[in-house]
Protein backbone atom coordinates (compact mmCIF):
# COMPACT_ATOMS: atom_id res chain seq x y z
CA MET A 1 -34.84 67.61 18.98
CA ASN A 2 -31.88 66.35 16.94
CA LEU A 3 -29.24 64.72 19.08
CA ILE A 4 -25.75 64.48 17.50
CA PHE A 5 -23.03 62.52 19.28
CA ASN A 6 -19.39 62.18 18.36
CA LEU A 7 -18.76 58.47 17.77
CA ASN A 8 -15.27 58.58 19.25
CA ARG A 9 -16.77 59.45 22.62
CA LEU A 10 -19.26 56.59 22.53
CA PHE A 11 -17.46 53.63 20.99
CA LYS A 12 -14.06 52.07 20.83
CA ALA A 13 -12.21 52.00 17.52
CA SER A 14 -13.55 48.54 16.65
CA SER A 15 -17.12 49.76 17.05
CA LEU A 16 -16.55 52.90 15.01
CA ALA A 17 -16.47 50.95 11.73
CA LEU A 18 -19.63 49.10 12.75
CA ALA A 19 -21.63 52.26 13.40
CA THR A 20 -20.38 53.85 10.20
CA SER A 21 -21.28 50.66 8.28
CA LEU A 22 -24.74 50.66 9.80
CA ALA A 23 -25.26 54.27 8.88
CA LEU A 24 -24.07 53.94 5.29
CA ASN A 25 -25.22 50.46 4.32
CA GLY A 26 -28.32 49.81 6.39
CA TRP A 27 -30.85 51.21 3.92
CA ALA A 28 -31.25 50.98 0.14
CA ASP A 29 -31.80 54.73 -0.33
CA THR A 30 -28.49 55.60 1.37
CA VAL A 31 -26.34 53.23 -0.70
CA GLY A 32 -24.12 55.24 -2.98
CA GLN A 33 -24.18 58.40 -0.87
CA GLU A 34 -20.92 59.78 0.50
CA PRO A 35 -20.65 60.13 4.29
CA GLN A 36 -20.84 63.75 5.46
CA ALA A 37 -19.10 63.20 8.81
CA LEU A 38 -18.28 60.52 11.35
CA GLU A 39 -21.30 61.57 13.39
CA ILE A 40 -24.67 59.86 13.44
CA PRO A 41 -28.01 61.07 14.84
CA VAL A 42 -29.22 58.62 17.49
CA THR A 43 -32.09 58.13 19.89
CA GLY A 44 -32.35 56.12 23.05
CA ASN A 45 -31.30 56.43 26.67
CA THR A 46 -29.30 59.65 26.27
CA GLY A 47 -30.35 61.32 29.48
CA GLN A 48 -33.24 63.08 27.74
CA ALA A 49 -36.64 61.85 26.69
CA PRO A 50 -36.73 60.37 23.17
CA VAL A 51 -38.16 62.64 20.51
CA GLU A 52 -41.71 61.64 19.61
CA LEU A 53 -43.41 62.15 16.26
CA GLU A 54 -45.99 64.84 16.79
CA ALA A 55 -48.54 66.49 14.52
CA GLU A 56 -46.62 69.77 14.29
CA HIS A 57 -43.59 68.01 12.77
CA SER A 58 -43.31 68.33 9.00
CA GLN A 59 -43.12 65.21 6.83
CA GLU A 60 -39.39 65.77 6.28
CA GLU A 61 -38.83 66.05 10.02
CA LYS A 62 -40.80 62.87 10.64
CA GLU A 63 -38.72 60.97 8.08
CA GLU A 64 -35.52 62.30 9.66
CA LEU A 65 -36.64 61.26 13.13
CA LYS A 66 -37.59 57.78 11.90
CA GLY A 67 -34.16 57.38 10.32
CA ARG A 68 -32.20 57.90 13.52
CA LEU A 69 -30.28 54.93 14.85
CA PRO A 70 -31.38 53.69 18.30
CA LEU A 71 -28.54 54.16 20.77
CA ASP A 72 -29.58 51.33 23.14
CA GLU A 73 -29.44 48.76 20.33
CA LEU A 74 -26.06 50.07 19.17
CA ARG A 75 -24.73 49.77 22.71
CA THR A 76 -26.05 46.19 22.91
CA PHE A 77 -24.42 45.34 19.59
CA THR A 78 -21.13 46.85 20.70
CA GLU A 79 -21.18 44.86 23.93
CA VAL A 80 -21.93 41.62 22.08
CA MET A 81 -19.09 42.27 19.66
CA GLU A 82 -16.63 43.00 22.45
CA ARG A 83 -17.63 39.87 24.38
CA ILE A 84 -17.18 37.72 21.29
CA LYS A 85 -13.70 39.13 20.75
CA LYS A 86 -12.71 38.50 24.37
CA ALA A 87 -14.39 35.16 25.14
CA TYR A 88 -14.92 33.26 21.85
CA VAL A 89 -13.00 29.98 21.75
CA GLU A 90 -10.97 31.13 18.74
CA GLU A 91 -9.57 34.54 17.93
CA VAL A 92 -11.78 36.44 15.49
CA ASP A 93 -10.97 39.72 13.75
CA ASP A 94 -13.16 42.81 13.38
CA ARG A 95 -13.58 42.35 9.61
CA THR A 96 -15.11 38.89 10.03
CA LEU A 97 -17.47 40.06 12.74
CA LEU A 98 -18.61 43.06 10.74
CA GLU A 99 -19.20 41.02 7.56
CA ASN A 100 -21.16 38.48 9.59
CA ALA A 101 -23.21 41.34 11.03
CA ILE A 102 -24.00 42.66 7.56
CA GLN A 103 -24.95 39.17 6.37
CA GLY A 104 -27.21 38.72 9.36
CA MET A 105 -28.78 42.13 8.82
CA LEU A 106 -29.89 41.08 5.34
CA SER A 107 -30.65 37.39 5.84
CA GLY A 108 -32.90 38.32 8.75
CA LEU A 109 -35.16 40.31 6.44
CA ASP A 110 -36.34 37.52 4.11
CA PRO A 111 -34.96 34.35 2.45
CA HIS A 112 -33.85 36.17 -0.70
CA SER A 113 -32.01 39.31 0.48
CA ALA A 114 -28.25 38.80 0.80
CA TYR A 115 -24.85 40.47 1.12
CA LEU A 116 -22.82 39.87 -2.03
CA LYS A 117 -19.07 39.44 -1.79
CA PRO A 118 -16.98 39.42 -5.00
CA ASP A 119 -17.40 35.65 -5.38
CA ASP A 120 -21.15 36.04 -4.96
CA PHE A 121 -21.24 38.57 -7.80
CA LYS A 122 -19.41 36.09 -10.01
CA GLU A 123 -21.88 33.36 -9.11
CA LEU A 124 -24.79 35.67 -9.93
CA GLU A 125 -23.33 36.37 -13.36
CA GLU A 126 -22.78 32.66 -14.00
CA ASN A 127 -26.36 31.81 -13.11
CA THR A 128 -27.84 34.44 -15.43
CA SER A 129 -25.43 33.63 -18.28
CA GLY A 130 -26.20 29.92 -18.09
CA GLU A 131 -22.74 28.45 -17.43
CA PHE A 132 -21.22 27.45 -14.10
CA GLY A 133 -19.55 24.55 -12.35
CA GLY A 134 -21.36 22.29 -9.92
CA LEU A 135 -24.21 19.82 -9.62
CA GLY A 136 -27.05 21.66 -11.35
CA ILE A 137 -29.62 22.30 -8.61
CA GLU A 138 -31.42 25.42 -7.43
CA VAL A 139 -31.50 25.39 -3.64
CA GLY A 140 -32.75 27.31 -0.61
CA MET A 141 -32.65 26.86 3.17
CA GLU A 142 -35.37 25.27 5.30
CA ASP A 143 -35.05 24.49 9.00
CA GLY A 144 -31.27 24.66 8.73
CA PHE A 145 -31.06 22.18 5.86
CA ILE A 146 -30.63 22.64 2.10
CA LYS A 147 -33.94 22.36 0.26
CA VAL A 148 -33.90 21.53 -3.43
CA VAL A 149 -36.15 23.99 -5.25
CA SER A 150 -35.56 22.21 -8.55
CA PRO A 151 -32.92 20.21 -10.40
CA ILE A 152 -31.78 21.70 -13.72
CA ASP A 153 -32.31 19.57 -16.81
CA ASP A 154 -29.41 17.48 -18.17
CA THR A 155 -27.14 18.06 -15.17
CA PRO A 156 -25.55 15.56 -12.73
CA ALA A 157 -28.29 16.25 -10.18
CA SER A 158 -31.21 15.62 -12.53
CA LYS A 159 -29.54 12.52 -14.01
CA ALA A 160 -28.91 11.13 -10.52
CA GLY A 161 -32.58 11.49 -9.59
CA VAL A 162 -32.49 14.50 -7.25
CA GLN A 163 -36.04 15.86 -6.97
CA ALA A 164 -37.70 19.16 -6.09
CA GLY A 165 -38.52 19.19 -2.38
CA ASP A 166 -35.60 16.97 -1.33
CA LEU A 167 -33.80 18.06 1.85
CA ILE A 168 -30.02 17.68 1.70
CA ILE A 169 -28.80 17.00 5.24
CA LYS A 170 -25.18 15.99 4.54
CA LEU A 171 -22.49 16.78 1.98
CA ASP A 172 -19.80 14.08 1.90
CA ASP A 173 -20.89 12.89 5.37
CA VAL A 174 -20.60 16.43 6.77
CA SER A 175 -23.83 17.80 8.24
CA VAL A 176 -25.09 21.02 6.64
CA LYS A 177 -26.67 22.07 9.92
CA GLY A 178 -25.09 25.36 10.87
CA MET A 179 -23.95 26.22 7.35
CA ASN A 180 -25.47 29.20 5.60
CA LEU A 181 -26.69 28.92 2.03
CA GLY A 182 -23.51 30.39 0.53
CA GLU A 183 -21.27 27.95 2.39
CA SER A 184 -23.33 24.94 1.33
CA VAL A 185 -23.37 26.06 -2.32
CA ASP A 186 -19.58 26.53 -2.22
CA LYS A 187 -19.17 22.95 -0.98
CA MET A 188 -21.39 21.57 -3.74
CA ARG A 189 -19.47 23.41 -6.44
CA GLY A 190 -16.00 22.35 -7.52
CA LYS A 191 -13.79 21.10 -10.29
CA ALA A 192 -15.51 19.07 -13.00
CA GLY A 193 -15.13 15.32 -12.50
CA THR A 194 -14.67 15.42 -8.72
CA PRO A 195 -17.07 13.22 -6.74
CA ILE A 196 -19.52 14.25 -4.04
CA LYS A 197 -22.07 12.35 -1.96
CA LEU A 198 -25.42 13.83 -0.96
CA THR A 199 -27.49 12.48 1.93
CA ILE A 200 -31.12 13.34 1.23
CA VAL A 201 -34.38 13.15 3.15
CA ARG A 202 -37.32 12.69 0.77
CA GLU A 203 -41.02 12.71 1.55
CA GLY A 204 -42.43 9.19 1.42
CA GLU A 205 -39.06 7.52 2.08
CA GLU A 206 -38.51 5.93 5.50
CA LYS A 207 -34.71 6.32 5.49
CA PRO A 208 -32.35 9.00 4.15
CA LEU A 209 -31.09 8.39 0.63
CA GLU A 210 -27.43 8.55 -0.36
CA ILE A 211 -26.73 9.77 -3.89
CA SER A 212 -23.21 9.77 -5.31
CA LEU A 213 -22.48 11.93 -8.35
CA GLU A 214 -19.72 13.83 -10.11
CA ARG A 215 -19.49 17.57 -10.52
CA ALA A 216 -19.57 18.92 -14.06
CA VAL A 217 -19.38 22.17 -15.97
CA ILE A 218 -23.02 23.14 -16.13
CA LYS A 219 -24.00 24.63 -19.47
CA VAL A 220 -27.69 25.20 -19.28
CA GLN A 221 -29.73 25.39 -22.46
CA SER A 222 -32.80 27.19 -21.19
CA VAL A 223 -35.16 26.34 -24.10
CA LYS A 224 -35.69 22.92 -25.69
CA ALA A 225 -38.39 21.64 -28.01
CA LYS A 226 -39.89 18.43 -29.39
CA ASN A 227 -42.73 17.41 -31.69
CA LEU A 228 -45.12 15.30 -29.62
CA GLU A 229 -47.30 14.38 -32.59
CA PRO A 230 -47.94 15.92 -36.01
CA GLY A 231 -49.30 19.39 -35.29
CA TYR A 232 -48.54 19.33 -31.56
CA GLY A 233 -45.36 20.83 -30.13
CA TYR A 234 -43.62 20.84 -26.76
CA ILE A 235 -41.35 23.58 -25.40
CA ARG A 236 -39.44 23.16 -22.16
CA VAL A 237 -38.07 26.30 -20.43
CA SER A 238 -35.74 25.18 -17.63
CA GLN A 239 -34.86 28.67 -16.33
CA PHE A 240 -35.02 32.30 -17.41
CA GLN A 241 -31.67 33.59 -18.66
CA ALA A 242 -30.90 36.84 -20.46
CA ASP A 243 -31.62 35.39 -23.95
CA THR A 244 -34.47 33.02 -23.08
CA GLY A 245 -37.16 35.20 -24.71
CA LYS A 246 -35.32 35.30 -28.04
CA GLU A 247 -34.52 31.59 -27.86
CA LEU A 248 -38.20 30.77 -27.36
CA VAL A 249 -39.29 32.84 -30.37
CA ASP A 250 -36.67 31.09 -32.55
CA THR A 251 -37.81 27.70 -31.21
CA LEU A 252 -41.42 28.50 -32.09
CA LYS A 253 -40.40 29.24 -35.68
CA GLU A 254 -38.51 25.94 -35.94
CA LEU A 255 -41.46 23.97 -34.58
CA LYS A 256 -43.75 25.49 -37.20
CA LYS A 257 -41.30 24.64 -39.98
CA ASP A 258 -41.37 20.99 -38.85
CA GLN A 259 -45.12 20.76 -39.52
CA LYS A 260 -46.30 19.68 -42.98
CA ASP A 261 -48.63 22.66 -43.37
CA GLY A 262 -46.45 25.01 -41.30
CA LYS A 263 -49.09 25.27 -38.59
CA LEU A 264 -49.37 24.04 -35.02
CA HIS A 265 -52.68 22.70 -33.66
CA GLY A 266 -51.47 23.03 -30.09
CA LEU A 267 -48.43 23.68 -27.89
CA VAL A 268 -47.35 22.60 -24.39
CA LEU A 269 -45.17 25.10 -22.52
CA ASP A 270 -43.46 23.24 -19.67
CA LEU A 271 -42.43 25.43 -16.71
CA ARG A 272 -42.28 22.65 -14.13
CA ASN A 273 -39.27 22.82 -11.79
CA ASN A 274 -38.26 26.13 -13.36
CA PRO A 275 -36.83 28.20 -10.47
CA GLY A 276 -37.11 31.53 -12.29
CA GLY A 277 -34.37 33.96 -13.27
CA VAL A 278 -34.29 37.28 -15.10
CA LEU A 279 -37.50 39.31 -14.96
CA GLN A 280 -37.08 40.70 -18.48
CA ALA A 281 -36.77 37.15 -19.83
CA ALA A 282 -40.13 36.25 -18.30
CA VAL A 283 -41.62 39.32 -19.98
CA GLY A 284 -40.10 38.26 -23.31
CA VAL A 285 -41.51 34.72 -23.08
CA THR A 286 -45.00 35.99 -22.20
CA ASP A 287 -44.82 38.55 -25.01
CA ALA A 288 -44.36 35.70 -27.49
CA PHE A 289 -47.92 34.54 -26.75
CA ILE A 290 -49.94 37.76 -26.34
CA SER A 291 -50.09 40.84 -28.56
CA GLU A 292 -51.48 43.47 -26.19
CA GLY A 293 -52.10 44.32 -22.57
CA LEU A 294 -50.19 44.31 -19.30
CA ILE A 295 -47.82 41.42 -18.55
CA VAL A 296 -46.66 42.24 -15.02
CA TYR A 297 -46.13 45.21 -12.74
CA THR A 298 -44.06 45.72 -9.60
CA GLU A 299 -44.64 47.88 -6.53
CA GLY A 300 -42.23 48.82 -3.73
CA ARG A 301 -41.37 51.62 -1.32
CA ILE A 302 -38.99 53.53 -3.56
CA PRO A 303 -40.19 55.16 -6.81
CA ASN A 304 -37.88 53.30 -9.22
CA SER A 305 -39.21 49.96 -7.95
CA GLU A 306 -42.59 50.62 -9.57
CA LEU A 307 -42.43 49.24 -13.10
CA ARG A 308 -44.99 48.14 -15.69
CA PHE A 309 -44.29 45.77 -18.59
CA ASN A 310 -46.68 45.60 -21.55
CA ALA A 311 -46.92 43.27 -24.54
CA THR A 312 -45.84 44.37 -27.99
CA ALA A 313 -48.11 44.12 -31.02
CA ASP A 314 -46.25 41.17 -32.53
CA ASP A 315 -47.51 37.63 -31.76
CA PRO A 316 -44.97 34.97 -32.83
CA SER A 317 -47.24 32.17 -31.56
CA GLN A 318 -50.07 33.31 -33.88
CA GLY A 319 -52.67 32.35 -31.28
CA VAL A 320 -51.79 28.64 -31.15
CA PRO A 321 -53.83 26.80 -28.46
CA LEU A 322 -51.61 26.63 -25.39
CA VAL A 323 -51.32 24.51 -22.24
CA VAL A 324 -48.83 25.56 -19.54
CA LEU A 325 -47.53 22.95 -17.08
CA ILE A 326 -46.55 24.12 -13.57
CA ASN A 327 -45.75 22.49 -10.23
CA GLY A 328 -44.29 23.28 -6.81
CA GLY A 329 -40.87 23.85 -8.38
CA SER A 330 -42.17 26.61 -10.68
CA ALA A 331 -41.07 29.84 -9.01
CA SER A 332 -40.61 33.57 -9.53
CA ALA A 333 -40.26 34.30 -13.27
CA SER A 334 -42.13 31.07 -14.08
CA GLU A 335 -45.06 32.32 -12.04
CA ILE A 336 -44.98 35.68 -13.83
CA VAL A 337 -45.43 33.89 -17.17
CA ALA A 338 -48.08 31.48 -15.87
CA GLY A 339 -50.02 34.23 -14.06
CA ALA A 340 -50.04 36.58 -17.05
CA LEU A 341 -51.16 33.91 -19.52
CA GLN A 342 -53.87 32.81 -17.09
CA ASP A 343 -55.16 36.36 -16.53
CA HIS A 344 -55.30 36.99 -20.28
CA ASN A 345 -57.17 33.68 -20.79
CA ARG A 346 -54.43 32.81 -23.26
CA ALA A 347 -53.55 29.39 -21.85
CA VAL A 348 -54.92 26.52 -19.80
CA LEU A 349 -52.75 25.96 -16.73
CA MET A 350 -52.32 22.33 -15.68
CA GLY A 351 -50.35 20.53 -12.97
CA THR A 352 -50.09 21.54 -9.32
CA GLU A 353 -49.81 24.81 -7.39
CA SER A 354 -46.61 26.78 -7.96
CA PHE A 355 -43.94 27.78 -5.42
CA GLY A 356 -45.27 31.23 -4.47
CA LYS A 357 -42.26 33.58 -4.77
CA GLY A 358 -43.75 36.94 -5.65
CA SER A 359 -40.87 39.25 -4.75
CA VAL A 360 -38.30 41.09 -6.86
CA GLN A 361 -34.64 41.39 -5.88
CA THR A 362 -32.41 44.29 -6.98
CA VAL A 363 -28.62 44.16 -7.00
CA LEU A 364 -27.18 47.35 -5.47
CA PRO A 365 -23.39 47.84 -5.71
CA LEU A 366 -21.76 49.47 -2.69
CA SER A 367 -20.08 52.84 -3.17
CA VAL A 368 -17.20 51.91 -0.85
CA ASP A 369 -16.37 48.79 -2.90
CA SER A 370 -18.08 48.22 -6.24
CA ALA A 371 -17.06 44.53 -6.19
CA LYS A 372 -19.46 44.05 -3.29
CA GLY A 373 -23.15 44.77 -3.04
CA LEU A 374 -26.59 43.90 -1.77
CA LYS A 375 -29.20 41.66 -3.27
CA LEU A 376 -32.18 43.35 -1.72
CA THR A 377 -35.89 42.60 -1.99
CA THR A 378 -37.22 45.91 -3.30
CA ALA A 379 -40.69 45.10 -4.64
CA LEU A 380 -43.53 42.64 -5.03
CA TYR A 381 -44.81 41.78 -8.49
CA TYR A 382 -48.44 41.51 -9.51
CA THR A 383 -50.19 39.72 -12.36
CA PRO A 384 -52.27 41.77 -14.85
CA ASN A 385 -55.39 41.29 -12.73
CA GLY A 386 -53.60 42.64 -9.64
CA ARG A 387 -52.86 39.31 -7.97
CA SER A 388 -49.85 38.97 -5.69
CA ILE A 389 -48.80 35.33 -5.50
CA GLN A 390 -46.31 35.88 -2.67
CA ALA A 391 -46.45 32.84 -0.37
CA GLU A 392 -49.58 31.62 -2.20
CA GLY A 393 -48.58 30.52 -5.67
CA ILE A 394 -50.43 30.19 -8.97
CA LYS A 395 -53.29 27.70 -8.91
CA PRO A 396 -53.72 25.66 -12.12
CA ASP A 397 -57.02 25.63 -14.01
CA ILE A 398 -56.89 21.83 -14.08
CA VAL A 399 -55.15 20.07 -11.19
CA VAL A 400 -53.16 17.05 -12.38
CA GLN A 401 -50.98 15.31 -9.82
CA ARG A 402 -47.79 13.59 -10.80
CA ALA A 403 -48.65 9.93 -11.33
CA LYS A 404 -47.38 6.75 -12.90
CA VAL A 405 -49.77 4.84 -15.13
CA THR A 406 -49.20 1.09 -15.34
CA PRO A 407 -50.69 -0.49 -18.48
CA ILE A 408 -52.88 -3.55 -17.97
CA ASP A 409 -51.60 -6.73 -19.57
CA ALA A 410 -53.89 -7.65 -22.46
CA PRO A 411 -53.94 -10.73 -24.65
CA GLN A 412 -52.10 -10.33 -27.93
CA GLN A 413 -54.38 -9.12 -30.69
CA TYR A 414 -53.80 -9.84 -34.36
CA LYS A 415 -54.49 -7.39 -37.14
CA GLU A 416 -55.01 -7.75 -40.86
CA ALA A 417 -51.37 -6.85 -41.49
CA ASP A 418 -50.29 -9.90 -39.44
CA LEU A 419 -52.10 -12.34 -41.70
CA GLN A 420 -50.27 -14.16 -44.50
CA ARG A 421 -50.96 -12.99 -48.08
CA HIS A 422 -52.82 -9.84 -46.84
CA LEU A 423 -53.60 -7.33 -49.56
CA SER A 424 -51.81 -4.02 -49.73
CA ASN A 425 -53.95 -0.99 -49.00
CA GLY A 426 -53.55 0.59 -52.41
CA ASN A 427 -51.93 3.84 -51.27
CA LYS A 428 -49.46 5.01 -53.88
CA GLU A 429 -46.68 5.69 -51.40
CA ASP A 430 -46.84 2.03 -50.30
CA GLN A 431 -46.36 0.66 -53.81
CA GLY A 432 -42.96 -0.68 -54.77
CA THR A 433 -39.78 -0.77 -52.76
CA LEU A 434 -38.70 2.21 -50.67
CA SER A 435 -35.39 3.81 -51.55
CA GLN A 436 -32.56 3.56 -49.03
CA LYS A 437 -32.93 7.26 -48.10
CA GLN A 438 -36.70 6.80 -47.63
CA SER A 439 -36.09 3.69 -45.57
CA GLU A 440 -33.63 5.51 -43.29
CA ALA A 441 -36.02 8.43 -42.86
CA SER A 442 -38.81 6.03 -41.99
CA SER A 443 -36.60 4.26 -39.46
CA ASN A 444 -35.60 7.57 -37.82
CA ALA A 445 -39.23 8.64 -37.67
CA ARG A 446 -40.22 5.37 -35.96
CA LYS A 447 -37.35 5.81 -33.46
CA ALA A 448 -38.47 9.38 -32.67
CA GLU A 449 -42.07 8.23 -32.27
CA LYS A 450 -40.97 5.52 -29.85
CA GLU A 451 -39.02 8.06 -27.76
CA ILE A 452 -42.04 10.37 -27.59
CA ALA A 453 -44.32 7.45 -26.72
CA ASN A 454 -42.01 6.51 -23.82
CA MET A 455 -41.86 10.15 -22.73
CA LEU A 456 -45.66 10.42 -22.65
CA ALA A 457 -45.99 7.05 -20.90
CA GLN A 458 -43.65 8.18 -18.10
CA ASP A 459 -45.04 11.73 -17.78
CA TYR A 460 -48.72 11.59 -16.86
CA GLN A 461 -49.09 15.38 -16.61
CA LEU A 462 -47.66 15.92 -20.10
CA ASN A 463 -49.86 13.15 -21.48
CA GLN A 464 -52.96 14.83 -20.08
CA ALA A 465 -51.84 18.22 -21.44
CA LEU A 466 -51.60 16.72 -24.93
CA ASN A 467 -55.09 15.21 -24.57
CA VAL A 468 -56.49 18.62 -23.57
CA LEU A 469 -54.89 20.22 -26.64
CA LYS A 470 -56.39 17.54 -28.88
CA GLY A 471 -59.79 18.18 -27.36
CA MET A 472 -59.41 21.93 -27.91
CA HIS A 473 -58.49 21.34 -31.57
CA ILE A 474 -61.39 18.94 -32.17
CA ASN A 475 -63.77 21.40 -30.53
CA ALA A 476 -62.47 24.25 -32.71
CA VAL A 477 -62.79 22.18 -35.90
CA THR A 478 -66.31 21.01 -34.97
CA ALA A 479 -67.37 24.57 -34.12
CA GLY A 480 -65.98 25.77 -37.45
CA LYS A 481 -67.92 23.16 -39.41
CA SER A 482 -71.13 24.00 -37.53
CA GLU A 483 -70.65 27.68 -38.36
CA GLU A 484 -70.13 26.81 -42.02
CA LYS A 485 -73.40 24.83 -42.05
CA LYS A 486 -75.27 27.74 -40.43
CA THR A 487 -73.86 30.14 -43.00
CA ALA A 488 -74.79 27.84 -45.87
CA ALA A 489 -78.33 27.43 -44.50
CA LEU A 490 -78.81 31.20 -44.37
CA LYS A 491 -77.86 31.70 -48.02
CA PRO A 492 -80.93 32.29 -50.29
CA MET A 493 -81.78 29.34 -52.54
CA LYS A 494 -81.44 29.90 -56.26
CA THR A 495 -84.63 29.22 -58.24
CA LYS A 496 -84.87 28.41 -61.91
CA PRO A 497 -86.51 31.09 -64.03
């Protein structure tokens, strides 16, 4: 049977707000509904046996019975709250206790659900827009310490050598133990130019590392590109912001224009240390490389959490051979892109296994105060083949560990061009003296080539990705020539009359 109790008879005034908060804000499907009365159905030790779900109950009745708040737990919570107020070493007000309770209610669900205060909303907007103040690292919590998910390119953190997987144990000699994630992020952010010292524990290092750096205004350019060699391009996506899909399509067009024949033989898409971002941006990036089929779908408990995203007919990449680089810092939206391209056999995935965040968070404003809200995990996402990568990650097709290649010292070798009075090679473009403009262009080209050579020498995974693309191109050219020979052999021979 339904048991309705007047809250004023059960709780003191300080507990009344708590019970009302629990009733209104405890579940996603009740957010936004107006309270009907200050009375809540409860179950527990009420002097009568608790109502059990039996076969004769309708589905609606069963759902109503499940939704009742347990009285014993509410009594326990009330007692804890009262004891804190009476015995805690410092005086604490009801508002603080209730906000802490709400935060604990959400943080206890999973690492990504959270209670959003007005400042948190602002931070969320900054992260998705691509501009904020701080150090430039995506972080989470692990064993009470701050874990670096990934440093963001061209920020104080990445320039100072902070790496994915680092554990930050102190901020300016203050231990982070006991801080929640929001508090630690607040301490890392600040006015541009102000210093901060991080104490870091890194795998493979015997002692903690101390890294001093200055805060800066972080303006994140989510898409960058380079020409690795003639015909081979490189696109780096550092995170998924609202306009990342459009930026990638524009970048693809620019890369093609840079090629002599307007075509690319191969492309490296670098998603390493990309912590994710906006779901729609991941869909847009994937859509740039496939022209049909499912990209990703989501499933949750509530109907509007079930979504399907499909590719459009347009293919800006025009089928260019593609290698995608991933690692342990590739999370969430990065894994959506990698998983979809892998399932469609559109790309070769190289690197190491990804982070494994396969959940979707929805921001739900509160009806009582629209400046506050919940970031609630509402669904899991699945790749086109129905794979959930939650807590597993995307496995690359070719595993390539991060490595440093040291060249072997070799004796100096002389070439024909080093000999005195060597003959010119006869190419027309080498005849005569280059104009000043041609000379400058040649010098800039050599400088760019040197930068790319250094980049490839220091990045073993990228170097191997380029080699795979070259192999794919050679194989395609060879296969094309073989097909031409077969076709020519099948043509009937002409005979003279």
